[in-house]
N, C-alpha and C. Protein backbone atom coordinates (compact mmCIF):
# COMPACT_ATOMS: atom_id res chain seq x y z
N UNK A 1 9.24 12.25 -2.83
CA UNK A 1 8.44 10.79 -2.26
C UNK A 1 9.45 9.88 -3.24
N UNK A 2 9.14 8.86 -2.58
CA UNK A 2 9.88 7.40 -2.81
C UNK A 2 8.66 6.45 -3.22
N UNK A 3 9.08 5.61 -4.60
CA UNK A 3 8.14 4.18 -3.98
C UNK A 3 8.68 3.30 -3.28
N UNK A 4 7.21 3.42 -2.20
CA UNK A 4 7.76 2.35 -1.06
C UNK A 4 6.71 0.91 -0.86
N UNK A 5 6.06 0.74 -2.00
CA UNK A 5 5.08 -0.39 -1.68
C UNK A 5 4.42 -0.41 -2.71
N UNK A 6 4.19 -1.88 -3.24
CA UNK A 6 3.27 -2.26 -4.16
C UNK A 6 2.43 -3.19 -3.53
N UNK A 7 1.16 -3.17 -3.47
CA UNK A 7 0.02 -3.89 -2.15
C UNK A 7 -0.60 -4.90 -3.51
N UNK A 8 -1.16 -5.97 -3.38
CA UNK A 8 -1.75 -6.90 -3.95
C UNK A 8 -2.67 -7.37 -2.61
N UNK A 9 -4.25 -7.61 -2.87
CA UNK A 9 -5.28 -8.25 -2.30
C UNK A 9 -5.49 -9.80 -2.65
N UNK A 10 -5.42 -10.69 -1.95
CA UNK A 10 -6.05 -11.84 -2.75
C UNK A 10 -6.63 -12.93 -1.65
N UNK A 11 -7.21 -13.83 -2.49
CA UNK A 11 -7.99 -14.74 -1.79
C UNK A 11 -7.07 -15.68 -1.68
N UNK A 12 -6.13 -15.84 -2.21
CA UNK A 12 -5.07 -16.92 -2.14
C UNK A 12 -3.81 -16.70 -1.57
N UNK A 13 -3.39 -16.33 -0.27
CA UNK A 13 -2.11 -15.85 -0.14
C UNK A 13 -0.81 -16.51 -0.54
N UNK A 14 -1.06 -17.72 -0.44
CA UNK A 14 -0.11 -18.55 -0.33
C UNK A 14 0.07 -19.15 -1.79
N UNK A 15 -0.78 -19.26 -2.57
CA UNK A 15 -0.93 -19.36 -4.38
C UNK A 15 0.19 -18.18 -4.67
N UNK A 16 -0.24 -17.24 -4.64
CA UNK A 16 0.13 -15.92 -4.77
C UNK A 16 1.98 -15.37 -4.27
N UNK A 17 1.88 -15.94 -3.23
CA UNK A 17 3.57 -16.04 -2.53
C UNK A 17 4.50 -16.91 -3.50
N UNK A 18 3.90 -18.21 -3.21
CA UNK A 18 4.65 -19.07 -4.41
C UNK A 18 5.05 -18.30 -5.93
N UNK A 19 4.05 -18.14 -6.43
CA UNK A 19 4.39 -16.90 -7.95
C UNK A 19 5.19 -16.54 -7.96
N UNK A 20 5.12 -15.23 -6.70
CA UNK A 20 6.10 -14.32 -6.92
C UNK A 20 7.56 -14.97 -6.39
N UNK A 21 7.67 -15.67 -5.32
CA UNK A 21 8.93 -16.39 -4.85
C UNK A 21 9.33 -16.99 -6.30
N UNK A 22 8.94 -17.70 -6.92
CA UNK A 22 9.39 -18.56 -8.07
C UNK A 22 9.89 -17.08 -9.15
N UNK A 23 8.98 -16.08 -9.57
CA UNK A 23 9.56 -14.88 -10.22
C UNK A 23 10.70 -13.90 -10.02
N UNK A 24 10.68 -14.07 -8.60
CA UNK A 24 11.35 -13.04 -7.91
C UNK A 24 13.20 -13.87 -7.64
N UNK A 25 12.72 -15.18 -7.42
CA UNK A 25 13.97 -16.00 -7.47
C UNK A 25 14.18 -15.87 -5.43
N UNK A 26 13.38 -15.60 -5.20
CA UNK A 26 13.65 -15.48 -3.42
C UNK A 26 12.65 -15.78 -2.50
N UNK A 27 12.90 -15.74 -1.29
CA UNK A 27 11.64 -16.29 -0.57
C UNK A 27 11.11 -15.15 -0.10
N UNK A 28 10.00 -14.64 0.67
CA UNK A 28 9.22 -13.38 1.27
C UNK A 28 10.04 -13.07 2.18
N UNK A 29 10.34 -11.95 2.76
CA UNK A 29 10.91 -11.54 3.82
C UNK A 29 10.02 -11.85 5.14
N UNK A 30 9.02 -11.79 5.01
CA UNK A 30 7.55 -11.94 5.73
C UNK A 30 6.99 -12.99 5.12
N UNK A 31 6.72 -13.99 5.86
CA UNK A 31 5.35 -14.92 5.64
C UNK A 31 4.34 -15.60 6.63
N UNK A 32 3.20 -15.40 6.19
CA UNK A 32 2.35 -16.39 7.09
C UNK A 32 1.05 -16.40 6.35
N UNK A 33 -0.04 -17.14 6.62
CA UNK A 33 -1.13 -17.53 6.04
C UNK A 33 -1.64 -16.24 5.39
N UNK A 34 -1.80 -15.02 5.83
CA UNK A 34 -2.39 -13.71 5.72
C UNK A 34 -1.71 -12.98 4.80
N UNK A 35 -0.23 -13.06 4.93
CA UNK A 35 0.50 -11.98 4.55
C UNK A 35 1.77 -12.25 4.28
N UNK A 36 1.98 -11.75 3.03
CA UNK A 36 3.88 -12.23 3.09
C UNK A 36 4.27 -10.70 1.90
N UNK A 37 5.55 -10.50 2.42
CA UNK A 37 6.04 -8.97 2.07
C UNK A 37 7.59 -9.61 1.05
N UNK A 38 7.66 -8.96 0.30
CA UNK A 38 9.31 -9.52 -0.39
C UNK A 38 9.48 -7.89 -0.68
N UNK A 39 10.66 -7.79 -0.18
CA UNK A 39 11.18 -6.44 -0.81
C UNK A 39 12.63 -6.75 -2.07
N UNK A 40 12.41 -5.70 -2.80
CA UNK A 40 12.90 -5.61 -4.22
C UNK A 40 13.32 -4.24 -4.65
N UNK A 41 14.38 -3.96 -4.41
CA UNK A 41 15.19 -2.56 -4.83
C UNK A 41 14.43 -1.65 -4.07
N UNK A 42 14.28 -2.25 -2.75
CA UNK A 42 14.11 -1.01 -2.06
C UNK A 42 12.83 -0.85 -1.58
N UNK A 43 11.37 -1.61 -2.78
CA UNK A 43 10.11 -1.36 -2.56
C UNK A 43 9.66 -2.81 -1.69
N UNK A 44 8.71 -2.53 -1.46
CA UNK A 44 7.83 -3.84 -0.75
C UNK A 44 6.90 -4.37 -1.40
N UNK A 45 6.72 -5.23 -1.85
CA UNK A 45 5.74 -6.05 -2.58
C UNK A 45 5.08 -6.57 -1.72
N UNK A 46 3.80 -6.05 -1.29
CA UNK A 46 2.76 -7.09 0.16
C UNK A 46 1.75 -7.41 -0.76
N UNK A 47 1.81 -8.71 -0.31
CA UNK A 47 0.41 -9.80 -0.81
C UNK A 47 -0.34 -9.92 0.55
N UNK A 48 -1.63 -9.25 0.57
CA UNK A 48 -2.44 -9.50 1.65
C UNK A 48 -3.42 -9.85 1.23
N UNK A 49 -4.08 -10.89 2.33
CA UNK A 49 -5.25 -11.66 1.90
C UNK A 49 -6.48 -10.40 2.12
N UNK A 50 -7.71 -10.98 1.47
CA UNK A 50 -8.65 -9.85 1.10
C UNK A 50 -9.26 -9.99 2.51
N UNK A 51 -10.20 -8.71 2.82
CA UNK A 51 -10.57 -8.87 4.19
C UNK A 51 -11.91 -7.87 3.84
N UNK A 52 -13.03 -7.82 5.21
CA UNK A 52 -13.88 -7.03 4.90
C UNK A 52 -13.70 -5.64 5.16
N UNK A 53 -14.20 -4.57 4.71
CA UNK A 53 -13.50 -3.22 5.05
C UNK A 53 -14.51 -3.50 6.56
N UNK A 54 -13.49 -2.75 7.37
CA UNK A 54 -14.17 -2.37 8.66
C UNK A 54 -13.51 -0.96 9.10
N UNK A 55 -13.55 -0.86 10.47
CA UNK A 55 -13.58 0.52 10.69
C UNK A 55 -12.79 1.46 10.16
N UNK A 56 -11.53 1.10 9.86
CA UNK A 56 -10.84 2.01 9.08
C UNK A 56 -11.33 2.83 7.84
N UNK A 57 -12.36 2.16 7.05
CA UNK A 57 -13.30 2.44 5.77
C UNK A 57 -12.41 2.27 4.48
N UNK A 58 -11.21 1.74 4.88
CA UNK A 58 -10.36 1.12 3.97
C UNK A 58 -10.60 -0.46 2.92
N UNK A 59 -10.86 -0.45 1.59
CA UNK A 59 -10.83 -1.49 1.44
C UNK A 59 -9.92 -2.30 0.91
N UNK A 60 -10.22 -3.76 0.79
CA UNK A 60 -8.62 -4.69 0.37
C UNK A 60 -8.88 -4.30 -1.24
N UNK A 61 -7.57 -3.16 -1.45
CA UNK A 61 -7.94 -2.92 -3.16
C UNK A 61 -5.76 -2.72 -3.21
N UNK A 62 -6.06 -3.44 -4.43
CA UNK A 62 -4.37 -3.50 -4.81
C UNK A 62 -4.08 -1.54 -4.73
N UNK A 63 -2.95 -1.21 -4.77
CA UNK A 63 -2.43 -0.11 -4.91
C UNK A 63 -1.22 -0.21 -4.53
N UNK A 64 -0.42 1.15 -4.85
CA UNK A 64 1.04 1.64 -4.36
C UNK A 64 1.10 2.53 -3.78
N UNK A 65 2.11 2.80 -2.95
CA UNK A 65 2.39 3.75 -1.98
C UNK A 65 3.67 4.49 -2.55
N UNK A 66 3.67 5.85 -1.97
CA UNK A 66 4.33 6.57 -1.76
C UNK A 66 4.88 6.85 -0.54
N UNK A 67 6.15 7.06 0.21
CA UNK A 67 6.71 7.42 1.39
C UNK A 67 7.25 8.88 1.19
N UNK A 68 6.62 9.49 2.35
CA UNK A 68 7.07 11.14 2.36
C UNK A 68 7.69 11.72 3.65
N UNK A 69 8.29 12.86 3.47
CA UNK A 69 9.10 13.20 5.09
C UNK A 69 7.52 13.54 5.80
N UNK A 70 6.97 14.59 5.27
CA UNK A 70 6.04 14.92 5.89
C UNK A 70 4.79 15.48 5.00
N UNK A 71 3.97 14.01 5.53
CA UNK A 71 2.60 13.49 5.06
C UNK A 71 1.73 14.59 5.29
N UNK A 72 1.60 15.35 6.07
CA UNK A 72 0.67 16.54 6.37
C UNK A 72 1.13 17.44 5.59
N UNK A 73 2.49 18.50 5.37
CA UNK A 73 2.66 18.92 4.42
C UNK A 73 2.63 18.80 2.89
N UNK A 74 2.12 17.57 2.84
CA UNK A 74 2.49 17.20 1.25
C UNK A 74 1.28 17.16 1.19
N UNK A 75 0.12 16.51 1.68
CA UNK A 75 -1.60 16.58 1.44
C UNK A 75 -1.74 17.99 1.08
N UNK A 76 -1.18 19.00 1.90
CA UNK A 76 -2.02 20.17 1.91
C UNK A 76 -1.19 21.04 0.67
N UNK A 77 0.14 20.20 -0.07
CA UNK A 77 0.65 21.18 -1.37
C UNK A 77 -0.26 20.47 -2.41
N UNK A 78 -0.71 19.02 -2.20
CA UNK A 78 -1.51 18.28 -3.22
C UNK A 78 -3.11 18.82 -3.29
N UNK A 79 -3.86 19.01 -2.28
CA UNK A 79 -4.98 19.69 -2.55
C UNK A 79 -4.72 21.46 -2.79
N UNK A 80 -3.68 22.22 -2.61
CA UNK A 80 -3.56 23.36 -3.22
C UNK A 80 -3.64 23.02 -4.76
N UNK A 81 -2.89 22.08 -5.40
CA UNK A 81 -3.12 21.80 -6.58
C UNK A 81 -4.25 21.12 -7.41
N UNK A 82 -5.21 21.16 -6.52
CA UNK A 82 -6.51 20.70 -7.07
C UNK A 82 -6.63 19.23 -6.73
N UNK A 83 -5.90 18.50 -6.07
CA UNK A 83 -5.68 16.56 -6.15
C UNK A 83 -6.74 16.58 -4.78
N UNK A 84 -7.89 15.53 -4.94
CA UNK A 84 -8.45 15.68 -3.46
C UNK A 84 -8.06 14.22 -3.12
N UNK A 85 -7.82 14.41 -1.69
CA UNK A 85 -7.76 12.86 -0.77
C UNK A 85 -8.65 12.49 -0.93
N UNK A 86 -8.91 11.08 -0.71
CA UNK A 86 -10.58 10.18 -0.65
C UNK A 86 -10.25 9.82 1.39
N UNK A 87 -9.09 9.80 1.40
CA UNK A 87 -8.59 9.76 2.99
C UNK A 87 -7.70 10.39 3.41
N UNK A 88 -8.02 11.46 4.29
CA UNK A 88 -7.41 12.32 4.87
C UNK A 88 -6.11 12.00 5.81
N UNK A 89 -5.12 12.65 5.48
CA UNK A 89 -3.87 11.96 6.89
C UNK A 89 -4.13 11.52 7.73
N UNK A 90 -4.08 10.47 8.57
CA UNK A 90 -4.39 9.77 9.67
C UNK A 90 -3.66 8.62 10.17
N UNK A 91 -3.73 8.21 11.68
CA UNK A 91 -2.92 6.99 11.95
C UNK A 91 -3.63 5.63 11.93
N UNK A 92 -2.92 4.61 11.54
CA UNK A 92 -3.81 3.42 11.16
C UNK A 92 -2.63 2.39 11.86
N UNK A 93 -2.95 1.34 11.83
CA UNK A 93 -2.03 0.16 12.81
C UNK A 93 -0.74 0.44 11.99
N UNK A 94 -0.50 0.41 10.68
CA UNK A 94 0.76 0.49 10.41
C UNK A 94 1.58 1.65 10.00
N UNK A 95 0.97 2.69 10.38
CA UNK A 95 1.38 3.97 10.63
C UNK A 95 0.44 5.30 9.96
N UNK A 96 0.81 6.44 9.79
CA UNK A 96 0.38 7.36 9.47
C UNK A 96 0.35 7.11 7.80
N UNK A 97 -1.19 7.52 7.43
CA UNK A 97 -1.02 7.43 5.75
C UNK A 97 -2.46 8.24 5.44
N UNK A 98 -2.15 8.60 4.02
CA UNK A 98 -3.40 9.11 3.28
C UNK A 98 -3.43 8.54 2.22
N UNK A 99 -4.78 8.80 1.42
CA UNK A 99 -5.46 7.96 0.03
C UNK A 99 -5.69 9.03 -0.86
N UNK A 100 -5.20 8.79 -2.04
CA UNK A 100 -6.21 9.51 -3.39
C UNK A 100 -6.17 8.28 -4.84
N UNK A 101 -6.72 9.15 -5.33
CA UNK A 101 -6.64 8.22 -6.71
C UNK A 101 -6.41 9.11 -7.66
N UNK A 102 -5.70 8.16 -9.09
CA UNK A 102 -5.62 8.53 -10.45
C UNK A 102 -6.32 8.60 -10.78
N UNK A 103 -6.48 9.76 -12.00
CA UNK A 103 -7.66 10.02 -12.95
C UNK A 103 -8.01 8.83 -13.68
N UNK A 104 -7.22 7.27 -13.33
CA UNK A 104 -7.77 6.00 -13.80
C UNK A 104 -8.84 5.39 -12.96
N UNK A 105 -8.63 5.93 -11.42
CA UNK A 105 -9.16 5.25 -10.47
C UNK A 105 -8.03 4.21 -9.64
N UNK A 106 -6.80 4.22 -9.93
CA UNK A 106 -5.87 3.49 -9.26
C UNK A 106 -5.36 4.45 -7.78
N UNK A 107 -5.90 3.13 -6.80
CA UNK A 107 -6.01 3.98 -5.56
C UNK A 107 -4.33 3.86 -4.91
N UNK A 108 -4.12 5.26 -4.20
CA UNK A 108 -2.55 5.62 -4.09
C UNK A 108 -2.71 5.74 -2.82
N UNK A 109 -1.73 5.30 -2.14
CA UNK A 109 -1.24 5.86 -0.44
C UNK A 109 0.04 6.40 -0.32
N UNK A 110 -0.20 7.47 0.48
CA UNK A 110 1.42 8.48 0.70
C UNK A 110 1.02 8.05 1.96
N UNK A 111 2.35 7.94 2.76
CA UNK A 111 2.89 7.30 4.32
C UNK A 111 3.80 8.07 4.41
N UNK A 112 3.68 8.55 5.73
CA UNK A 112 4.69 9.33 6.51
C UNK A 112 6.00 8.03 6.76
N UNK A 113 7.36 9.05 6.30
CA UNK A 113 8.45 7.98 6.50
C UNK A 113 8.72 7.84 7.96
């Protein structure tokens, strides 16, 4: 597993983008009114506008993501270890992902490389 993304959802993408531009000392790699992506040390910092939960069932919730080579196999191993998936592996617009929560309730995304 490799840390691949930290995602923040906000009502003001422009303000958050400017803050992280100043903090990181660089412009985002991708930017528009709804999203900005900074790449830092091989990890994407995603700033995304909040949205209404849609068909995907996912809410606009801050989270971090790990990339894995075989998402289905990793999820099966995690289930064997007693970790419960909140969202089983499935295809989304951005790729194949699954979601679970740590003991404090933080959302974790697992994504297929």
